[in-house]
PDB file of N, CA and C in Angstrom:
ATOM      1  N   MET A   1       1.181  -1.392   0.167  1.00  0.00           N
ATOM      2  CA  MET A   1       0.091   0.168   0.120  1.00  0.00           C
ATOM      3  C   MET A   1       1.091   1.263  -0.079  1.00  0.00           C
ATOM      4  N   PRO A   2       0.499   2.355  -0.902  1.00  0.00           N
ATOM      5  CA  PRO A   2       1.367   3.407  -1.076  1.00  0.00           C
ATOM      6  C   PRO A   2       1.421   4.121   0.452  1.00  0.00           C
ATOM      7  N   THR A   3       2.766   4.775   0.399  1.00  0.00           N
ATOM      8  CA  THR A   3       2.715   5.469   1.786  1.00  0.00           C
ATOM      9  C   THR A   3       2.279   6.948   1.910  1.00  0.00           C
ATOM     10  N   GLY A   4       1.667   7.891   2.900  1.00  0.00           N
ATOM     11  CA  GLY A   4       1.161   8.707   2.618  1.00  0.00           C
ATOM     12  C   GLY A   4       2.323   9.869   3.061  1.00  0.00           C
ATOM     13  N   ILE A   5       1.804  11.226   2.580  1.00  0.00           N
ATOM     14  CA  ILE A   5       2.762  12.217   2.959  1.00  0.00           C
ATOM     15  C   ILE A   5       2.357  13.400   3.346  1.00  0.00           C
ATOM     16  N   THR A   6       2.525  14.082   4.293  1.00  0.00           N
ATOM     17  CA  THR A   6       2.096  15.590   4.414  1.00  0.00           C
ATOM     18  C   THR A   6       3.358  16.474   4.651  1.00  0.00           C
ATOM     19  N   SER A   7       3.305  17.499   3.950  1.00  0.00           N
ATOM     20  CA  SER A   7       4.175  18.703   3.853  1.00  0.00           C
ATOM     21  C   SER A   7       3.438  19.722   4.535  1.00  0.00           C
ATOM     22  N   ILE A   8       4.521  20.530   5.344  1.00  0.00           N
ATOM     23  CA  ILE A   8       3.961  21.469   6.226  1.00  0.00           C
ATOM     24  C   ILE A   8       5.034  22.330   5.950  1.00  0.00           C
ATOM     25  N   THR A   9       4.713  23.892   4.905  1.00  0.00           N
ATOM     26  CA  THR A   9       5.555  24.920   4.751  1.00  0.00           C
ATOM     27  C   THR A   9       5.405  25.999   5.512  1.00  0.00           C
ATOM     28  N   PHE A  10       6.619  26.754   6.022  1.00  0.00           N
ATOM     29  CA  PHE A  10       6.500  27.865   6.500  1.00  0.00           C
ATOM     30  C   PHE A  10       7.148  28.805   5.680  1.00  0.00           C
ATOM     31  N   PRO A  11       6.530  29.987   5.420  1.00  0.00           N
ATOM     32  CA  PRO A  11       7.217  30.780   4.319  1.00  0.00           C
ATOM     33  C   PRO A  11       8.355  31.950   4.996  1.00  0.00           C
ATOM     34  N   GLN A  12       9.174  32.232   3.858  1.00  0.00           N
ATOM     35  CA  GLN A  12      10.486  32.881   4.505  1.00  0.00           C
ATOM     36  C   GLN A  12       9.809  34.297   5.259  1.00  0.00           C
ATOM     37  N   GLY A  13      10.440  34.676   6.543  1.00  0.00           N
ATOM     38  CA  GLY A  13      10.037  35.850   7.509  1.00  0.00           C
ATOM     39  C   GLY A  13       8.821  35.350   8.363  1.00  0.00           C
ATOM     40  N   THR A  14       8.964  34.039   8.535  1.00  0.00           N
ATOM     41  CA  THR A  14       7.964  33.542   9.466  1.00  0.00           C
ATOM     42  C   THR A  14       8.880  33.464  10.939  1.00  0.00           C
ATOM     43  N   LYS A  15       8.520  33.817  12.089  1.00  0.00           N
ATOM     44  CA  LYS A  15       9.185  33.951  13.308  1.00  0.00           C
ATOM     45  C   LYS A  15       8.656  32.583  14.261  1.00  0.00           C
ATOM     46  N   LEU A  16       9.707  31.770  14.462  1.00  0.00           N
ATOM     47  CA  LEU A  16       9.039  30.211  14.623  1.00  0.00           C
ATOM     48  C   LEU A  16      10.043  30.341  16.085  1.00  0.00           C
ATOM     49  N   ASP A  17       9.753  29.881  16.971  1.00  0.00           N
ATOM     50  CA  ASP A  17      10.288  29.268  18.352  1.00  0.00           C
ATOM     51  C   ASP A  17      10.933  27.962  18.022  1.00  0.00           C
ATOM     52  N   MET A  18      11.916  27.398  17.576  1.00  0.00           N
ATOM     53  CA  MET A  18      12.720  26.362  17.366  1.00  0.00           C
ATOM     54  C   MET A  18      12.810  25.468  18.409  1.00  0.00           C
ATOM     55  N   ASP A  19      13.178  26.341  19.333  1.00  0.00           N
ATOM     56  CA  ASP A  19      13.538  25.085  20.620  1.00  0.00           C
ATOM     57  C   ASP A  19      12.143  24.647  20.736  1.00  0.00           C
ATOM     58  N   TYR A  20      10.888  25.404  20.926  1.00  0.00           N
ATOM     59  CA  TYR A  20       9.677  25.015  21.735  1.00  0.00           C
ATOM     60  C   TYR A  20       9.087  23.814  20.480  1.00  0.00           C
ATOM     61  N   TYR A  21       9.227  24.384  19.270  1.00  0.00           N
ATOM     62  CA  TYR A  21       8.547  23.497  18.183  1.00  0.00           C
ATOM     63  C   TYR A  21       9.570  22.005  18.279  1.00  0.00           C
ATOM     64  N   LEU A  22      11.134  21.765  18.257  1.00  0.00           N
ATOM     65  CA  LEU A  22      11.789  20.819  18.412  1.00  0.00           C
ATOM     66  C   LEU A  22      11.413  20.232  19.956  1.00  0.00           C
ATOM     67  N   SER A  23      11.263  20.579  20.722  1.00  0.00           N
ATOM     68  CA  SER A  23      11.106  20.235  21.949  1.00  0.00           C
ATOM     69  C   SER A  23       9.853  19.786  22.704  1.00  0.00           C
ATOM     70  N   THR A  24       8.742  20.716  22.110  1.00  0.00           N
ATOM     71  CA  THR A  24       7.418  20.107  22.706  1.00  0.00           C
ATOM     72  C   THR A  24       6.493  20.354  21.683  1.00  0.00           C
ATOM     73  N   HIS A  25       6.424  20.705  20.396  1.00  0.00           N
ATOM     74  CA  HIS A  25       5.561  20.428  19.629  1.00  0.00           C
ATOM     75  C   HIS A  25       5.790  19.217  18.772  1.00  0.00           C
ATOM     76  N   LEU A  26       7.021  18.881  18.391  1.00  0.00           N
ATOM     77  CA  LEU A  26       6.939  17.532  17.803  1.00  0.00           C
ATOM     78  C   LEU A  26       7.088  16.506  18.458  1.00  0.00           C
ATOM     79  N   PRO A  27       7.165  16.236  19.781  1.00  0.00           N
ATOM     80  CA  PRO A  27       6.901  15.398  20.389  1.00  0.00           C
ATOM     81  C   PRO A  27       5.540  14.866  20.785  1.00  0.00           C
ATOM     82  N   LEU A  28       4.618  16.247  20.643  1.00  0.00           N
ATOM     83  CA  LEU A  28       3.344  16.164  20.756  1.00  0.00           C
ATOM     84  C   LEU A  28       3.204  15.561  19.583  1.00  0.00           C
ATOM     85  N   VAL A  29       3.266  15.747  18.266  1.00  0.00           N
ATOM     86  CA  VAL A  29       2.604  15.419  17.314  1.00  0.00           C
ATOM     87  C   VAL A  29       2.966  13.725  17.369  1.00  0.00           C
ATOM     88  N   GLN A  30       4.182  13.634  17.547  1.00  0.00           N
ATOM     89  CA  GLN A  30       4.367  11.947  17.505  1.00  0.00           C
ATOM     90  C   GLN A  30       3.772  11.354  18.638  1.00  0.00           C
ATOM     91  N   LYS A  31       3.360  11.744  20.089  1.00  0.00           N
ATOM     92  CA  LYS A  31       2.559  11.168  21.084  1.00  0.00           C
ATOM     93  C   LYS A  31       0.934  11.008  20.328  1.00  0.00           C
ATOM     94  N   HIS A  32       0.508  12.039  19.834  1.00  0.00           N
ATOM     95  CA  HIS A  32      -0.980  11.975  19.390  1.00  0.00           C
ATOM     96  C   HIS A  32      -1.374  11.257  18.073  1.00  0.00           C
ATOM     97  N   TRP A  33      -0.334  11.482  16.928  1.00  0.00           N
ATOM     98  CA  TRP A  33      -0.345  10.727  15.931  1.00  0.00           C
ATOM     99  C   TRP A  33       0.186   9.501  15.526  1.00  0.00           C
ATOM    100  N   GLU A  34       1.141   8.958  16.126  1.00  0.00           N
ATOM    101  CA  GLU A  34       1.477   7.377  15.826  1.00  0.00           C
ATOM    102  C   GLU A  34       0.531   6.421  16.347  1.00  0.00           C
ATOM    103  N   GLN A  35      -0.456   6.521  16.996  1.00  0.00           N
ATOM    104  CA  GLN A  35      -1.439   5.928  17.004  1.00  0.00           C
ATOM    105  C   GLN A  35      -2.342   5.739  15.781  1.00  0.00           C
ATOM    106  N   PHE A  36      -2.343   6.514  14.726  1.00  0.00           N
ATOM    107  CA  PHE A  36      -3.003   6.476  13.769  1.00  0.00           C
ATOM    108  C   PHE A  36      -1.968   6.317  12.494  1.00  0.00           C
ATOM    109  N   GLY A  37      -0.721   5.795  12.442  1.00  0.00           N
ATOM    110  CA  GLY A  37       0.182   5.544  11.524  1.00  0.00           C
ATOM    111  C   GLY A  37       1.190   6.214  10.998  1.00  0.00           C
ATOM    112  N   LEU A  38       1.754   7.363  11.825  1.00  0.00           N
ATOM    113  CA  LEU A  38       2.577   8.327  11.607  1.00  0.00           C
ATOM    114  C   LEU A  38       3.849   7.497  11.782  1.00  0.00           C
ATOM    115  N   LYS A  39       4.645   7.612  10.630  1.00  0.00           N
ATOM    116  CA  LYS A  39       5.745   6.504  10.890  1.00  0.00           C
ATOM    117  C   LYS A  39       6.847   7.571  11.316  1.00  0.00           C
ATOM    118  N   LYS A  40       7.196   8.551  10.324  1.00  0.00           N
ATOM    119  CA  LYS A  40       8.291   9.377  10.871  1.00  0.00           C
ATOM    120  C   LYS A  40       7.947  10.952  10.472  1.00  0.00           C
ATOM    121  N   TRP A  41       9.004  11.728  10.787  1.00  0.00           N
ATOM    122  CA  TRP A  41       8.943  13.102  10.408  1.00  0.00           C
ATOM    123  C   TRP A  41      10.482  13.630  10.237  1.00  0.00           C
ATOM    124  N   THR A  42      10.318  14.655   9.292  1.00  0.00           N
ATOM    125  CA  THR A  42      11.624  15.267   8.947  1.00  0.00           C
ATOM    126  C   THR A  42      11.574  16.845   9.086  1.00  0.00           C
ATOM    127  N   ILE A  43      12.370  17.437   9.598  1.00  0.00           N
ATOM    128  CA  ILE A  43      12.346  18.843   9.389  1.00  0.00           C
ATOM    129  C   ILE A  43      13.391  19.334   8.640  1.00  0.00           C
ATOM    130  N   ILE A  44      13.369  20.380   7.744  1.00  0.00           N
ATOM    131  CA  ILE A  44      14.418  20.963   6.938  1.00  0.00           C
ATOM    132  C   ILE A  44      14.072  22.207   6.950  1.00  0.00           C
ATOM    133  N   GLN A  45      15.162  22.825   7.130  1.00  0.00           N
ATOM    134  CA  GLN A  45      15.514  24.301   7.521  1.00  0.00           C
ATOM    135  C   GLN A  45      16.036  25.005   5.951  1.00  0.00           C
ATOM    136  N   TYR A  46      15.501  25.609   5.251  1.00  0.00           N
ATOM    137  CA  TYR A  46      15.970  26.518   4.287  1.00  0.00           C
ATOM    138  C   TYR A  46      16.927  27.808   4.407  1.00  0.00           C
ATOM    139  N   PRO A  47      17.794  28.073   3.485  1.00  0.00           N
ATOM    140  CA  PRO A  47      18.686  29.186   3.409  1.00  0.00           C
ATOM    141  C   PRO A  47      17.741  30.328   3.093  1.00  0.00           C
ATOM    142  N   ASP A  48      18.207  31.495   3.464  1.00  0.00           N
ATOM    143  CA  ASP A  48      17.491  32.688   3.354  1.00  0.00           C
ATOM    144  C   ASP A  48      16.894  33.037   1.924  1.00  0.00           C
ATOM    145  N   ASP A  49      17.182  32.897   1.044  1.00  0.00           N
ATOM    146  CA  ASP A  49      17.052  32.796  -0.263  1.00  0.00           C
ATOM    147  C   ASP A  49      15.993  32.157  -0.682  1.00  0.00           C
ATOM    148  N   SER A  50      15.687  31.214  -0.158  1.00  0.00           N
ATOM    149  CA  SER A  50      14.549  30.294  -0.440  1.00  0.00           C
ATOM    150  C   SER A  50      13.297  30.727  -0.468  1.00  0.00           C
ATOM    151  N   GLU A  51      12.132  30.154  -0.870  1.00  0.00           N
ATOM    152  CA  GLU A  51      10.732  30.867  -0.865  1.00  0.00           C
ATOM    153  C   GLU A  51      10.404  30.254   0.579  1.00  0.00           C
ATOM    154  N   TYR A  52      10.783  29.138   0.927  1.00  0.00           N
ATOM    155  CA  TYR A  52      10.369  28.762   2.345  1.00  0.00           C
ATOM    156  C   TYR A  52      11.648  29.222   3.900  1.00  0.00           C
ATOM    157  N   PHE A  53      10.931  29.159   4.835  1.00  0.00           N
ATOM    158  CA  PHE A  53      11.638  29.188   5.978  1.00  0.00           C
ATOM    159  C   PHE A  53      12.214  27.616   6.555  1.00  0.00           C
ATOM    160  N   MET A  54      10.908  26.797   6.325  1.00  0.00           N
ATOM    161  CA  MET A  54      11.168  25.634   6.960  1.00  0.00           C
ATOM    162  C   MET A  54      10.052  24.887   6.499  1.00  0.00           C
ATOM    163  N   GLN A  55      10.152  23.583   6.604  1.00  0.00           N
ATOM    164  CA  GLN A  55       9.406  22.400   5.935  1.00  0.00           C
ATOM    165  C   GLN A  55       9.139  21.356   6.862  1.00  0.00           C
ATOM    166  N   ALA A  56       8.332  21.087   7.193  1.00  0.00           N
ATOM    167  CA  ALA A  56       8.100  19.566   7.935  1.00  0.00           C
ATOM    168  C   ALA A  56       7.564  18.585   6.969  1.00  0.00           C
ATOM    169  N   ILE A  57       8.142  17.011   7.152  1.00  0.00           N
ATOM    170  CA  ILE A  57       7.463  16.400   6.081  1.00  0.00           C
ATOM    171  C   ILE A  57       6.845  15.186   7.228  1.00  0.00           C
ATOM    172  N   LEU A  58       6.226  14.894   7.235  1.00  0.00           N
ATOM    173  CA  LEU A  58       5.390  13.513   7.729  1.00  0.00           C
ATOM    174  C   LEU A  58       5.035  12.428   6.801  1.00  0.00           C
ATOM    175  N   GLU A  59       5.313  11.272   7.365  1.00  0.00           N
ATOM    176  CA  GLU A  59       5.399  10.122   6.458  1.00  0.00           C
ATOM    177  C   GLU A  59       4.284   9.314   7.355  1.00  0.00           C
ATOM    178  N   TRP A  60       3.459   8.605   6.820  1.00  0.00           N
ATOM    179  CA  TRP A  60       2.159   7.801   7.160  1.00  0.00           C
ATOM    180  C   TRP A  60       2.500   6.690   6.641  1.00  0.00           C
ATOM    181  N   GLU A  61       1.810   5.465   7.572  1.00  0.00           N
ATOM    182  CA  GLU A  61       1.256   4.307   6.808  1.00  0.00           C
ATOM    183  C   GLU A  61       0.870   4.247   5.577  1.00  0.00           C
ATOM    184  N   ASN A  62       0.198   4.637   5.388  1.00  0.00           N
ATOM    185  CA  ASN A  62      -0.638   4.673   4.210  1.00  0.00           C
ATOM    186  C   ASN A  62      -1.464   6.196   4.245  1.00  0.00           C
ATOM    187  N   GLU A  63      -2.277   6.541   2.903  1.00  0.00           N
ATOM    188  CA  GLU A  63      -2.869   7.795   2.912  1.00  0.00           C
ATOM    189  C   GLU A  63      -4.550   7.666   3.756  1.00  0.00           C
ATOM    190  N   GLU A  64      -4.544   6.509   4.004  1.00  0.00           N
ATOM    191  CA  GLU A  64      -5.711   6.524   4.854  1.00  0.00           C
ATOM    192  C   GLU A  64      -5.307   6.716   6.491  1.00  0.00           C
ATOM    193  N   SER A  65      -4.316   6.793   7.029  1.00  0.00           N
ATOM    194  CA  SER A  65      -3.733   6.753   8.171  1.00  0.00           C
ATOM    195  C   SER A  65      -3.904   8.506   8.478  1.00  0.00           C
ATOM    196  N   TYR A  66      -3.384   9.099   7.140  1.00  0.00           N
ATOM    197  CA  TYR A  66      -3.672  10.440   7.575  1.00  0.00           C
ATOM    198  C   TYR A  66      -4.904  10.828   7.340  1.00  0.00           C
ATOM    199  N   HIS A  67      -5.715  10.286   6.854  1.00  0.00           N
ATOM    200  CA  HIS A  67      -7.307  10.821   6.840  1.00  0.00           C
ATOM    201  C   HIS A  67      -7.761  10.353   8.033  1.00  0.00           C
ATOM    202  N   LYS A  68      -7.439   9.441   8.453  1.00  0.00           N
ATOM    203  CA  LYS A  68      -7.999   9.100  10.083  1.00  0.00           C
ATOM    204  C   LYS A  68      -7.582   9.932  11.186  1.00  0.00           C
ATOM    205  N   THR A  69      -6.511  10.325  10.963  1.00  0.00           N
ATOM    206  CA  THR A  69      -5.578  11.272  11.802  1.00  0.00           C
ATOM    207  C   THR A  69      -6.059  12.990  11.653  1.00  0.00           C
ATOM    208  N   MET A  70      -6.626  13.234  10.638  1.00  0.00           N
ATOM    209  CA  MET A  70      -7.540  14.411  10.604  1.00  0.00           C
ATOM    210  C   MET A  70      -8.728  14.575  10.880  1.00  0.00           C
ATOM    211  N   ALA A  71      -9.478  13.331  10.915  1.00  0.00           N
ATOM    212  CA  ALA A  71     -10.877  13.188  11.333  1.00  0.00           C
ATOM    213  C   ALA A  71     -10.936  12.954  12.895  1.00  0.00           C
ATOM    214  N   SER A  72      -9.797  12.643  13.667  1.00  0.00           N
ATOM    215  CA  SER A  72      -9.555  12.848  15.082  1.00  0.00           C
ATOM    216  C   SER A  72      -9.652  14.104  15.842  1.00  0.00           C
ATOM    217  N   ASP A  73      -9.591  14.024  17.101  1.00  0.00           N
ATOM    218  CA  ASP A  73      -9.733  15.071  17.919  1.00  0.00           C
ATOM    219  C   ASP A  73      -8.385  15.611  18.274  1.00  0.00           C
ATOM    220  N   THR A  74      -7.497  15.006  18.173  1.00  0.00           N
ATOM    221  CA  THR A  74      -5.860  14.942  18.327  1.00  0.00           C
ATOM    222  C   THR A  74      -5.948  16.303  17.359  1.00  0.00           C
ATOM    223  N   VAL A  75      -6.328  16.690  16.256  1.00  0.00           N
ATOM    224  CA  VAL A  75      -5.916  17.601  15.430  1.00  0.00           C
ATOM    225  C   VAL A  75      -6.039  18.574  16.095  1.00  0.00           C
ATOM    226  N   GLY A  76      -7.563  19.334  17.145  1.00  0.00           N
ATOM    227  CA  GLY A  76      -7.478  20.612  17.444  1.00  0.00           C
ATOM    228  C   GLY A  76      -6.383  20.726  18.725  1.00  0.00           C
ATOM    229  N   VAL A  77      -6.129  19.629  19.279  1.00  0.00           N
ATOM    230  CA  VAL A  77      -5.155  19.854  20.369  1.00  0.00           C
ATOM    231  C   VAL A  77      -3.601  20.320  19.833  1.00  0.00           C
ATOM    232  N   LEU A  78      -3.414  19.740  18.366  1.00  0.00           N
ATOM    233  CA  LEU A  78      -1.915  20.244  18.182  1.00  0.00           C
ATOM    234  C   LEU A  78      -1.980  21.487  17.371  1.00  0.00           C
ATOM    235  N   MET A  79      -3.229  21.721  16.777  1.00  0.00           N
ATOM    236  CA  MET A  79      -3.479  22.938  15.869  1.00  0.00           C
ATOM    237  C   MET A  79      -3.519  24.417  16.983  1.00  0.00           C
ATOM    238  N   ASN A  80      -4.109  23.969  18.161  1.00  0.00           N
ATOM    239  CA  ASN A  80      -4.079  24.952  19.584  1.00  0.00           C
ATOM    240  C   ASN A  80      -2.561  25.010  19.567  1.00  0.00           C
ATOM    241  N   ASP A  81      -1.831  24.260  19.445  1.00  0.00           N
ATOM    242  CA  ASP A  81      -0.438  24.509  20.229  1.00  0.00           C
ATOM    243  C   ASP A  81       0.460  25.325  19.090  1.00  0.00           C
ATOM    244  N   VAL A  82       0.110  25.532  18.113  1.00  0.00           N
ATOM    245  CA  VAL A  82       0.800  26.130  16.633  1.00  0.00           C
ATOM    246  C   VAL A  82       0.730  27.749  17.292  1.00  0.00           C
ATOM    247  N   LYS A  83      -0.130  28.254  17.861  1.00  0.00           N
ATOM    248  CA  LYS A  83       0.035  29.408  17.992  1.00  0.00           C
ATOM    249  C   LYS A  83       1.395  29.803  19.240  1.00  0.00           C
ATOM    250  N   ASN A  84       1.846  28.769  20.043  1.00  0.00           N
ATOM    251  CA  ASN A  84       2.712  28.641  21.006  1.00  0.00           C
ATOM    252  C   ASN A  84       4.301  28.682  20.565  1.00  0.00           C
ATOM    253  N   PHE A  85       4.195  28.524  18.990  1.00  0.00           N
ATOM    254  CA  PHE A  85       5.953  28.526  18.447  1.00  0.00           C
ATOM    255  C   PHE A  85       5.792  29.449  17.197  1.00  0.00           C
ATOM    256  N   VAL A  86       4.806  30.073  16.647  1.00  0.00           N
ATOM    257  CA  VAL A  86       4.827  30.671  15.475  1.00  0.00           C
ATOM    258  C   VAL A  86       3.831  31.587  15.037  1.00  0.00           C
ATOM    259  N   ASP A  87       4.032  32.776  14.357  1.00  0.00           N
ATOM    260  CA  ASP A  87       3.585  33.995  14.114  1.00  0.00           C
ATOM    261  C   ASP A  87       2.617  34.123  13.039  1.00  0.00           C
ATOM    262  N   ARG A  88       2.743  32.869  12.221  1.00  0.00           N
ATOM    263  CA  ARG A  88       1.684  32.735  11.025  1.00  0.00           C
ATOM    264  C   ARG A  88       1.401  31.151  10.530  1.00  0.00           C
ATOM    265  N   SER A  89       0.360  31.083   9.960  1.00  0.00           N
ATOM    266  CA  SER A  89      -0.008  29.731   9.346  1.00  0.00           C
ATOM    267  C   SER A  89       0.438  29.166   8.679  1.00  0.00           C
ATOM    268  N   PRO A  90       1.011  28.021   8.651  1.00  0.00           N
ATOM    269  CA  PRO A  90       1.854  27.140   7.642  1.00  0.00           C
ATOM    270  C   PRO A  90       0.743  26.440   6.712  1.00  0.00           C
ATOM    271  N   THR A  91       1.523  26.312   5.520  1.00  0.00           N
ATOM    272  CA  THR A  91       0.747  25.878   4.313  1.00  0.00           C
ATOM    273  C   THR A  91       0.759  24.150   4.619  1.00  0.00           C
ATOM    274  N   PHE A  92      -0.224  23.432   4.400  1.00  0.00           N
ATOM    275  CA  PHE A  92      -0.459  21.987   4.410  1.00  0.00           C
ATOM    276  C   PHE A  92      -1.240  21.251   3.108  1.00  0.00           C
ATOM    277  N   SER A  93       0.097  20.378   2.577  1.00  0.00           N
ATOM    278  CA  SER A  93      -0.444  19.609   1.509  1.00  0.00           C
ATOM    279  C   SER A  93      -0.351  18.109   1.874  1.00  0.00           C
ATOM    280  N   SER A  94      -0.980  17.381   1.076  1.00  0.00           N
ATOM    281  CA  SER A  94      -0.930  16.011   1.952  1.00  0.00           C
ATOM    282  C   SER A  94      -1.493  15.020   0.179  1.00  0.00           C
ATOM    283  N   GLY A  95      -0.514  13.984   0.148  1.00  0.00           N
ATOM    284  CA  GLY A  95      -0.714  12.878  -0.824  1.00  0.00           C
ATOM    285  C   GLY A  95      -0.214  11.768  -0.342  1.00  0.00           C
ATOM    286  N   LYS A  96       0.011  10.780  -1.818  1.00  0.00           N
ATOM    287  CA  LYS A  96       0.456   9.510  -1.805  1.00  0.00           C
ATOM    288  C   LYS A  96       1.809   9.610  -2.472  1.00  0.00           C
ATOM    289  N   VAL A  97       2.780   8.501  -1.975  1.00  0.00           N
ATOM    290  CA  VAL A  97       4.000   8.337  -2.643  1.00  0.00           C
ATOM    291  C   VAL A  97       3.592   7.045  -3.754  1.00  0.00           C
ATOM    292  N   VAL A  98       3.766   7.730  -5.117  1.00  0.00           N
ATOM    293  CA  VAL A  98       3.873   6.627  -6.293  1.00  0.00           C
ATOM    294  C   VAL A  98       4.759   6.018  -6.665  1.00  0.00           C
ATOM    295  N   CYS A  99       6.053   6.647  -5.807  1.00  0.00           N
ATOM    296  CA  CYS A  99       7.431   5.934  -6.262  1.00  0.00           C
ATOM    297  C   CYS A  99       8.639   6.901  -5.866  1.00  0.00           C
ATOM    298  N   SER A 100       9.321   5.636  -4.921  1.00  0.00           N
ATOM    299  CA  SER A 100      10.795   6.202  -4.234  1.00  0.00           C
ATOM    300  C   SER A 100      11.723   5.320  -4.407  1.00  0.00           C
ATOM    301  N   SER A 101      12.955   5.624  -3.759  1.00  0.00           N
ATOM    302  CA  SER A 101      13.973   4.901  -4.552  1.00  0.00           C
ATOM    303  C   SER A 101      14.725   5.283  -3.073  1.00  0.00           C
ATOM    304  N   LEU A 102      15.734   4.234  -2.433  1.00  0.00           N
ATOM    305  CA  LEU A 102      16.930   4.500  -1.632  1.00  0.00           C
ATOM    306  C   LEU A 102      18.200   4.464  -2.764  1.00  0.00           C
ATOM    307  N   VAL A 103      18.674   5.381  -3.047  1.00  0.00           N
ATOM    308  CA  VAL A 103      19.811   5.194  -4.014  1.00  0.00           C
ATOM    309  C   VAL A 103      21.030   4.791  -3.388  1.00  0.00           C
ATOM    310  N   GLY A 104      21.652   4.011  -3.941  1.00  0.00           N
ATOM    311  CA  GLY A 104      22.845   3.424  -3.150  1.00  0.00           C
ATOM    312  C   GLY A 104      22.549   1.862  -2.543  1.00  0.00           C
ATOM    313  N   SER A 105      21.417   1.933  -2.277  1.00  0.00           N
ATOM    314  CA  SER A 105      20.832   0.520  -1.672  1.00  0.00           C
ATOM    315  C   SER A 105      20.900  -0.735  -2.580  1.00  0.00           C
ATOM    316  N   GLN A 106      21.482  -2.105  -1.953  1.00  0.00           N
ATOM    317  CA  GLN A 106      21.515  -3.199  -2.979  1.00  0.00           C
ATOM    318  C   GLN A 106      20.426  -3.964  -2.272  1.00  0.00           C
ATOM    319  N   GLU A 107      19.273  -4.240  -2.955  1.00  0.00           N
ATOM    320  CA  GLU A 107      18.600  -5.356  -2.422  1.00  0.00           C
ATOM    321  C   GLU A 107      19.186  -6.371  -2.903  1.00  0.00           C
ATOM    322  N   ARG A 108      19.043  -7.874  -2.379  1.00  0.00           N
ATOM    323  CA  ARG A 108      18.900  -8.848  -2.672  1.00  0.00           C
ATOM    324  C   ARG A 108      17.697  -9.873  -2.379  1.00  0.00           C
TER     325      ARG A 108
END
């Protein structure tokens, strides 16, 4: 079954408390959403000349896992926490991985 991906982007100029985000918000994400199939999260910080300041990529067991999560009460808890670390709303997008590869891996 294809993996689901959620991308959360923060535009340049965003004021974000990185310590709070990494030490408080992301552990909350993991705590509340692991039960729905969250497998992995990755945080990318972009250079100043990029359109985006930062991006979070959430990887789900499948696309259905994401939809179950978004229908749960946990979304309100986490969205309510956003105001504690950032001064503007990020952009969310979600979909399914249709193809990927581990470069250099040798399967046997």
